[in-house]
Amino acid sequence: MTMKDFSKIYLLAFLIFADVAAFAGPGDDTGGGDLGGGDPPPAPINTYLILMIGLGLLLAFYSIRKYKKQIN
């Protein structure tokens, strides 16, 4: 491996671990062993699920069609 490859690996590792450290802040300890505050309400994941499936299928058909045109 060259020095350029090592620098890319170190940069990637730094970006990954810096992101984890930025979001892993301490919580509010209540003294009883758990963190203060309740759980946040659950996020709905089915709001745009049908739309995302449709867009995914369109992207797949577009990619396959583009690939077939490239071969011919």
PDB file of N, CA and C in Angstrom:
ATOM      1  N   MET A   1       0.829  -1.179   0.000  1.00  0.00           N
ATOM      2  CA  MET A   1       0.000   0.000   0.000  1.00  0.00           C
ATOM      3  C   MET A   1       0.874   1.242   0.000  1.00  0.00           C
ATOM      4  N   THR A   2       0.409   2.195  -0.709  1.00  0.00           N
ATOM      5  CA  THR A   2       1.170   3.434  -0.777  1.00  0.00           C
ATOM      6  C   THR A   2       0.714   4.391   0.325  1.00  0.00           C
ATOM      7  N   MET A   3       1.445   5.465   0.457  1.00  0.00           N
ATOM      8  CA  MET A   3       1.112   6.468   1.466  1.00  0.00           C
ATOM      9  C   MET A   3      -0.234   7.116   1.163  1.00  0.00           C
ATOM     10  N   LYS A   4      -0.567   7.211  -0.113  1.00  0.00           N
ATOM     11  CA  LYS A   4      -1.846   7.791  -0.503  1.00  0.00           C
ATOM     12  C   LYS A   4      -3.005   6.928  -0.009  1.00  0.00           C
ATOM     13  N   ASP A   5      -2.855   5.597  -0.105  1.00  0.00           N
ATOM     14  CA  ASP A   5      -3.890   4.691   0.383  1.00  0.00           C
ATOM     15  C   ASP A   5      -4.048   4.804   1.895  1.00  0.00           C
ATOM     16  N   PHE A   6      -2.922   4.886   2.609  1.00  0.00           N
ATOM     17  CA  PHE A   6      -2.989   5.026   4.057  1.00  0.00           C
ATOM     18  C   PHE A   6      -3.672   6.324   4.465  1.00  0.00           C
ATOM     19  N   SER A   7      -3.381   7.394   3.754  1.00  0.00           N
ATOM     20  CA  SER A   7      -4.001   8.672   4.112  1.00  0.00           C
ATOM     21  C   SER A   7      -5.509   8.628   3.878  1.00  0.00           C
ATOM     22  N   LYS A   8      -5.956   7.924   2.842  1.00  0.00           N
ATOM     23  CA  LYS A   8      -7.390   7.782   2.600  1.00  0.00           C
ATOM     24  C   LYS A   8      -8.051   6.981   3.715  1.00  0.00           C
ATOM     25  N   ILE A   9      -7.388   5.919   4.146  1.00  0.00           N
ATOM     26  CA  ILE A   9      -7.934   5.088   5.220  1.00  0.00           C
ATOM     27  C   ILE A   9      -8.002   5.884   6.518  1.00  0.00           C
ATOM     28  N   TYR A  10      -6.950   6.624   6.843  1.00  0.00           N
ATOM     29  CA  TYR A  10      -6.943   7.432   8.064  1.00  0.00           C
ATOM     30  C   TYR A  10      -8.008   8.532   8.011  1.00  0.00           C
ATOM     31  N   LEU A  11      -8.178   9.142   6.869  1.00  0.00           N
ATOM     32  CA  LEU A  11      -9.198  10.178   6.725  1.00  0.00           C
ATOM     33  C   LEU A  11     -10.589   9.586   6.917  1.00  0.00           C
ATOM     34  N   LEU A  12     -10.853   8.431   6.318  1.00  0.00           N
ATOM     35  CA  LEU A  12     -12.141   7.771   6.469  1.00  0.00           C
ATOM     36  C   LEU A  12     -12.389   7.395   7.930  1.00  0.00           C
ATOM     37  N   ALA A  13     -11.386   6.831   8.585  1.00  0.00           N
ATOM     38  CA  ALA A  13     -11.532   6.459   9.997  1.00  0.00           C
ATOM     39  C   ALA A  13     -11.784   7.698  10.857  1.00  0.00           C
ATOM     40  N   PHE A  14     -11.087   8.781  10.577  1.00  0.00           N
ATOM     41  CA  PHE A  14     -11.289  10.009  11.344  1.00  0.00           C
ATOM     42  C   PHE A  14     -12.706  10.532  11.179  1.00  0.00           C
ATOM     43  N   LEU A  15     -13.217  10.547   9.942  1.00  0.00           N
ATOM     44  CA  LEU A  15     -14.557  11.047   9.701  1.00  0.00           C
ATOM     45  C   LEU A  15     -15.615  10.184  10.373  1.00  0.00           C
ATOM     46  N   ILE A  16     -15.420   8.881  10.357  1.00  0.00           N
ATOM     47  CA  ILE A  16     -16.385   7.988  11.003  1.00  0.00           C
ATOM     48  C   ILE A  16     -16.377   8.189  12.511  1.00  0.00           C
ATOM     49  N   PHE A  17     -15.190   8.206  13.124  1.00  0.00           N
ATOM     50  CA  PHE A  17     -15.118   8.320  14.578  1.00  0.00           C
ATOM     51  C   PHE A  17     -15.443   9.732  15.058  1.00  0.00           C
ATOM     52  N   ALA A  18     -15.183  10.742  14.266  1.00  0.00           N
ATOM     53  CA  ALA A  18     -15.548  12.101  14.651  1.00  0.00           C
ATOM     54  C   ALA A  18     -17.065  12.244  14.662  1.00  0.00           C
ATOM     55  N   ASP A  19     -17.733  11.592  13.744  1.00  0.00           N
ATOM     56  CA  ASP A  19     -19.186  11.630  13.699  1.00  0.00           C
ATOM     57  C   ASP A  19     -19.776  10.938  14.925  1.00  0.00           C
ATOM     58  N   VAL A  20     -19.234   9.810  15.291  1.00  0.00           N
ATOM     59  CA  VAL A  20     -19.727   9.086  16.466  1.00  0.00           C
ATOM     60  C   VAL A  20     -19.505   9.918  17.723  1.00  0.00           C
ATOM     61  N   ALA A  21     -18.361  10.539  17.843  1.00  0.00           N
ATOM     62  CA  ALA A  21     -18.055  11.330  19.027  1.00  0.00           C
ATOM     63  C   ALA A  21     -18.930  12.580  19.098  1.00  0.00           C
ATOM     64  N   ALA A  22     -19.317  13.113  17.974  1.00  0.00           N
ATOM     65  CA  ALA A  22     -20.136  14.320  17.970  1.00  0.00           C
ATOM     66  C   ALA A  22     -21.552  14.044  18.464  1.00  0.00           C
ATOM     67  N   PHE A  23     -22.081  12.861  18.215  1.00  0.00           N
ATOM     68  CA  PHE A  23     -23.447  12.542  18.608  1.00  0.00           C
ATOM     69  C   PHE A  23     -23.541  11.755  19.906  1.00  0.00           C
ATOM     70  N   ALA A  24     -22.437  11.293  20.450  1.00  0.00           N
ATOM     71  CA  ALA A  24     -22.472  10.472  21.659  1.00  0.00           C
ATOM     72  C   ALA A  24     -22.226  11.339  22.884  1.00  0.00           C
ATOM     73  N   GLY A  25     -23.128  12.269  23.138  1.00  0.00           N
ATOM     74  CA  GLY A  25     -22.998  13.139  24.300  1.00  0.00           C
ATOM     75  C   GLY A  25     -23.557  12.478  25.543  1.00  0.00           C
ATOM     76  N   PRO A  26     -23.170  12.974  26.718  1.00  0.00           N
ATOM     77  CA  PRO A  26     -23.680  12.394  27.963  1.00  0.00           C
ATOM     78  C   PRO A  26     -25.149  12.751  28.179  1.00  0.00           C
ATOM     79  N   GLY A  27     -25.861  11.882  28.878  1.00  0.00           N
ATOM     80  CA  GLY A  27     -27.268  12.123  29.175  1.00  0.00           C
ATOM     81  C   GLY A  27     -27.425  12.749  30.541  1.00  0.00           C
ATOM     82  N   ASP A  28     -28.645  12.996  30.920  1.00  0.00           N
ATOM     83  CA  ASP A  28     -28.953  13.536  32.241  1.00  0.00           C
ATOM     84  C   ASP A  28     -29.208  12.379  33.190  1.00  0.00           C
ATOM     85  N   ASP A  29     -28.334  12.200  34.153  1.00  0.00           N
ATOM     86  CA  ASP A  29     -28.479  11.100  35.096  1.00  0.00           C
ATOM     87  C   ASP A  29     -29.418  11.519  36.221  1.00  0.00           C
ATOM     88  N   THR A  30     -30.382  10.676  36.509  1.00  0.00           N
ATOM     89  CA  THR A  30     -31.351  10.994  37.558  1.00  0.00           C
ATOM     90  C   THR A  30     -30.937  10.457  38.915  1.00  0.00           C
ATOM     91  N   GLY A  31     -29.843   9.741  38.988  1.00  0.00           N
ATOM     92  CA  GLY A  31     -29.396   9.173  40.245  1.00  0.00           C
ATOM     93  C   GLY A  31     -29.918   7.770  40.463  1.00  0.00           C
ATOM     94  N   GLY A  32     -30.928   7.373  39.756  1.00  0.00           N
ATOM     95  CA  GLY A  32     -31.498   6.032  39.891  1.00  0.00           C
ATOM     96  C   GLY A  32     -30.916   5.043  38.897  1.00  0.00           C
ATOM     97  N   GLY A  33     -29.994   5.478  38.086  1.00  0.00           N
ATOM     98  CA  GLY A  33     -29.363   4.580  37.124  1.00  0.00           C
ATOM     99  C   GLY A  33     -29.866   4.734  35.704  1.00  0.00           C
ATOM    100  N   ASP A  34     -31.010   5.392  35.528  1.00  0.00           N
ATOM    101  CA  ASP A  34     -31.491   5.589  34.162  1.00  0.00           C
ATOM    102  C   ASP A  34     -31.354   7.059  33.784  1.00  0.00           C
ATOM    103  N   LEU A  35     -31.515   7.321  32.540  1.00  0.00           N
ATOM    104  CA  LEU A  35     -31.394   8.688  32.059  1.00  0.00           C
ATOM    105  C   LEU A  35     -32.707   9.420  32.250  1.00  0.00           C
ATOM    106  N   GLY A  36     -32.630  10.712  32.452  1.00  0.00           N
ATOM    107  CA  GLY A  36     -33.837  11.510  32.678  1.00  0.00           C
ATOM    108  C   GLY A  36     -34.658  11.661  31.424  1.00  0.00           C
ATOM    109  N   GLY A  37     -35.933  11.892  31.596  1.00  0.00           N
ATOM    110  CA  GLY A  37     -36.824  12.094  30.455  1.00  0.00           C
ATOM    111  C   GLY A  37     -37.403  10.787  29.958  1.00  0.00           C
ATOM    112  N   GLY A  38     -38.502  10.905  29.243  1.00  0.00           N
ATOM    113  CA  GLY A  38     -39.147   9.723  28.689  1.00  0.00           C
ATOM    114  C   GLY A  38     -38.654   9.432  27.286  1.00  0.00           C
ATOM    115  N   ASP A  39     -39.170   8.383  26.739  1.00  0.00           N
ATOM    116  CA  ASP A  39     -38.822   8.028  25.366  1.00  0.00           C
ATOM    117  C   ASP A  39     -39.536   8.975  24.408  1.00  0.00           C
ATOM    118  N   PRO A  40     -38.869   9.348  23.317  1.00  0.00           N
ATOM    119  CA  PRO A  40     -39.541  10.184  22.321  1.00  0.00           C
ATOM    120  C   PRO A  40     -40.605   9.372  21.596  1.00  0.00           C
ATOM    121  N   PRO A  41     -41.590  10.027  21.010  1.00  0.00           N
ATOM    122  CA  PRO A  41     -42.620   9.277  20.282  1.00  0.00           C
ATOM    123  C   PRO A  41     -42.010   8.602  19.054  1.00  0.00           C
ATOM    124  N   PRO A  42     -42.525   7.433  18.681  1.00  0.00           N
ATOM    125  CA  PRO A  42     -41.957   6.726  17.531  1.00  0.00           C
ATOM    126  C   PRO A  42     -42.197   7.486  16.235  1.00  0.00           C
ATOM    127  N   ALA A  43     -41.237   7.399  15.346  1.00  0.00           N
ATOM    128  CA  ALA A  43     -41.353   8.067  14.047  1.00  0.00           C
ATOM    129  C   ALA A  43     -42.105   7.162  13.076  1.00  0.00           C
ATOM    130  N   PRO A  44     -43.081   7.687  12.355  1.00  0.00           N
ATOM    131  CA  PRO A  44     -43.802   6.857  11.391  1.00  0.00           C
ATOM    132  C   PRO A  44     -42.930   6.598  10.164  1.00  0.00           C
ATOM    133  N   ILE A  45     -42.820   5.340   9.782  1.00  0.00           N
ATOM    134  CA  ILE A  45     -41.996   5.018   8.619  1.00  0.00           C
ATOM    135  C   ILE A  45     -42.837   4.702   7.392  1.00  0.00           C
ATOM    136  N   ASN A  46     -44.148   4.599   7.554  1.00  0.00           N
ATOM    137  CA  ASN A  46     -44.976   4.189   6.425  1.00  0.00           C
ATOM    138  C   ASN A  46     -45.610   5.356   5.689  1.00  0.00           C
ATOM    139  N   THR A  47     -45.225   6.578   6.008  1.00  0.00           N
ATOM    140  CA  THR A  47     -45.848   7.738   5.382  1.00  0.00           C
ATOM    141  C   THR A  47     -45.606   7.764   3.869  1.00  0.00           C
ATOM    142  N   TYR A  48     -44.388   7.616   3.461  1.00  0.00           N
ATOM    143  CA  TYR A  48     -44.041   7.669   2.039  1.00  0.00           C
ATOM    144  C   TYR A  48     -43.481   6.344   1.538  1.00  0.00           C
ATOM    145  N   LEU A  49     -43.853   5.241   2.175  1.00  0.00           N
ATOM    146  CA  LEU A  49     -43.302   3.943   1.818  1.00  0.00           C
ATOM    147  C   LEU A  49     -43.670   3.538   0.392  1.00  0.00           C
ATOM    148  N   ILE A  50     -44.919   3.711  -0.005  1.00  0.00           N
ATOM    149  CA  ILE A  50     -45.353   3.347  -1.356  1.00  0.00           C
ATOM    150  C   ILE A  50     -44.626   4.205  -2.390  1.00  0.00           C
ATOM    151  N   LEU A  51     -44.471   5.486  -2.098  1.00  0.00           N
ATOM    152  CA  LEU A  51     -43.772   6.378  -3.010  1.00  0.00           C
ATOM    153  C   LEU A  51     -42.308   5.953  -3.175  1.00  0.00           C
ATOM    154  N   MET A  52     -41.652   5.598  -2.079  1.00  0.00           N
ATOM    155  CA  MET A  52     -40.247   5.173  -2.149  1.00  0.00           C
ATOM    156  C   MET A  52     -40.086   3.868  -2.920  1.00  0.00           C
ATOM    157  N   ILE A  53     -41.011   2.949  -2.742  1.00  0.00           N
ATOM    158  CA  ILE A  53     -40.958   1.693  -3.503  1.00  0.00           C
ATOM    159  C   ILE A  53     -41.118   1.985  -4.994  1.00  0.00           C
ATOM    160  N   GLY A  54     -42.057   2.852  -5.346  1.00  0.00           N
ATOM    161  CA  GLY A  54     -42.256   3.215  -6.751  1.00  0.00           C
ATOM    162  C   GLY A  54     -41.031   3.882  -7.354  1.00  0.00           C
ATOM    163  N   LEU A  55     -40.428   4.807  -6.607  1.00  0.00           N
ATOM    164  CA  LEU A  55     -39.219   5.465  -7.109  1.00  0.00           C
ATOM    165  C   LEU A  55     -38.065   4.483  -7.246  1.00  0.00           C
ATOM    166  N   GLY A  56     -37.974   3.542  -6.335  1.00  0.00           N
ATOM    167  CA  GLY A  56     -36.928   2.518  -6.432  1.00  0.00           C
ATOM    168  C   GLY A  56     -37.102   1.646  -7.663  1.00  0.00           C
ATOM    169  N   LEU A  57     -38.351   1.268  -7.950  1.00  0.00           N
ATOM    170  CA  LEU A  57     -38.612   0.473  -9.150  1.00  0.00           C
ATOM    171  C   LEU A  57     -38.314   1.261 -10.419  1.00  0.00           C
ATOM    172  N   LEU A  58     -38.695   2.525 -10.443  1.00  0.00           N
ATOM    173  CA  LEU A  58     -38.381   3.362 -11.610  1.00  0.00           C
ATOM    174  C   LEU A  58     -36.876   3.483 -11.820  1.00  0.00           C
ATOM    175  N   LEU A  59     -36.138   3.667 -10.737  1.00  0.00           N
ATOM    176  CA  LEU A  59     -34.685   3.754 -10.843  1.00  0.00           C
ATOM    177  C   LEU A  59     -34.087   2.437 -11.338  1.00  0.00           C
ATOM    178  N   ALA A  60     -34.626   1.314 -10.876  1.00  0.00           N
ATOM    179  CA  ALA A  60     -34.134   0.012 -11.330  1.00  0.00           C
ATOM    180  C   ALA A  60     -34.389  -0.180 -12.821  1.00  0.00           C
ATOM    181  N   PHE A  61     -35.612   0.124 -13.288  1.00  0.00           N
ATOM    182  CA  PHE A  61     -35.920  -0.008 -14.717  1.00  0.00           C
ATOM    183  C   PHE A  61     -35.055   0.923 -15.556  1.00  0.00           C
ATOM    184  N   TYR A  62     -34.846   2.139 -15.086  1.00  0.00           N
ATOM    185  CA  TYR A  62     -34.002   3.088 -15.807  1.00  0.00           C
ATOM    186  C   TYR A  62     -32.565   2.573 -15.905  1.00  0.00           C
ATOM    187  N   SER A  63     -32.049   2.044 -14.809  1.00  0.00           N
ATOM    188  CA  SER A  63     -30.673   1.547 -14.807  1.00  0.00           C
ATOM    189  C   SER A  63     -30.513   0.342 -15.726  1.00  0.00           C
ATOM    190  N   ILE A  64     -31.472  -0.572 -15.688  1.00  0.00           N
ATOM    191  CA  ILE A  64     -31.408  -1.755 -16.551  1.00  0.00           C
ATOM    192  C   ILE A  64     -31.500  -1.349 -18.015  1.00  0.00           C
ATOM    193  N   ARG A  65     -32.402  -0.436 -18.331  1.00  0.00           N
ATOM    194  CA  ARG A  65     -32.561   0.021 -19.712  1.00  0.00           C
ATOM    195  C   ARG A  65     -31.292   0.714 -20.218  1.00  0.00           C
ATOM    196  N   LYS A  66     -30.687   1.541 -19.360  1.00  0.00           N
ATOM    197  CA  LYS A  66     -29.460   2.229 -19.731  1.00  0.00           C
ATOM    198  C   LYS A  66     -28.325   1.232 -19.962  1.00  0.00           C
ATOM    199  N   TYR A  67     -28.259   0.203 -19.116  1.00  0.00           N
ATOM    200  CA  TYR A  67     -27.226  -0.828 -19.257  1.00  0.00           C
ATOM    201  C   TYR A  67     -27.413  -1.614 -20.552  1.00  0.00           C
ATOM    202  N   LYS A  68     -28.668  -1.956 -20.879  1.00  0.00           N
ATOM    203  CA  LYS A  68     -28.926  -2.705 -22.115  1.00  0.00           C
ATOM    204  C   LYS A  68     -28.582  -1.881 -23.365  1.00  0.00           C
ATOM    205  N   LYS A  69     -28.844  -0.575 -23.312  1.00  0.00           N
ATOM    206  CA  LYS A  69     -28.487   0.289 -24.448  1.00  0.00           C
ATOM    207  C   LYS A  69     -26.976   0.392 -24.589  1.00  0.00           C
ATOM    208  N   GLN A  70     -26.277   0.342 -23.473  1.00  0.00           N
ATOM    209  CA  GLN A  70     -24.831   0.445 -23.487  1.00  0.00           C
ATOM    210  C   GLN A  70     -24.205  -0.811 -24.118  1.00  0.00           C
ATOM    211  N   ILE A  71     -24.816  -1.971 -23.879  1.00  0.00           N
ATOM    212  CA  ILE A  71     -24.296  -3.238 -24.428  1.00  0.00           C
ATOM    213  C   ILE A  71     -24.503  -3.288 -25.924  1.00  0.00           C
ATOM    214  N   ASN A  72     -25.659  -2.886 -26.415  1.00  0.00           N
ATOM    215  CA  ASN A  72     -25.976  -2.974 -27.850  1.00  0.00           C
ATOM    216  C   ASN A  72     -25.332  -1.911 -28.623  1.00  0.00           C
TER     217      ASN A  72
END
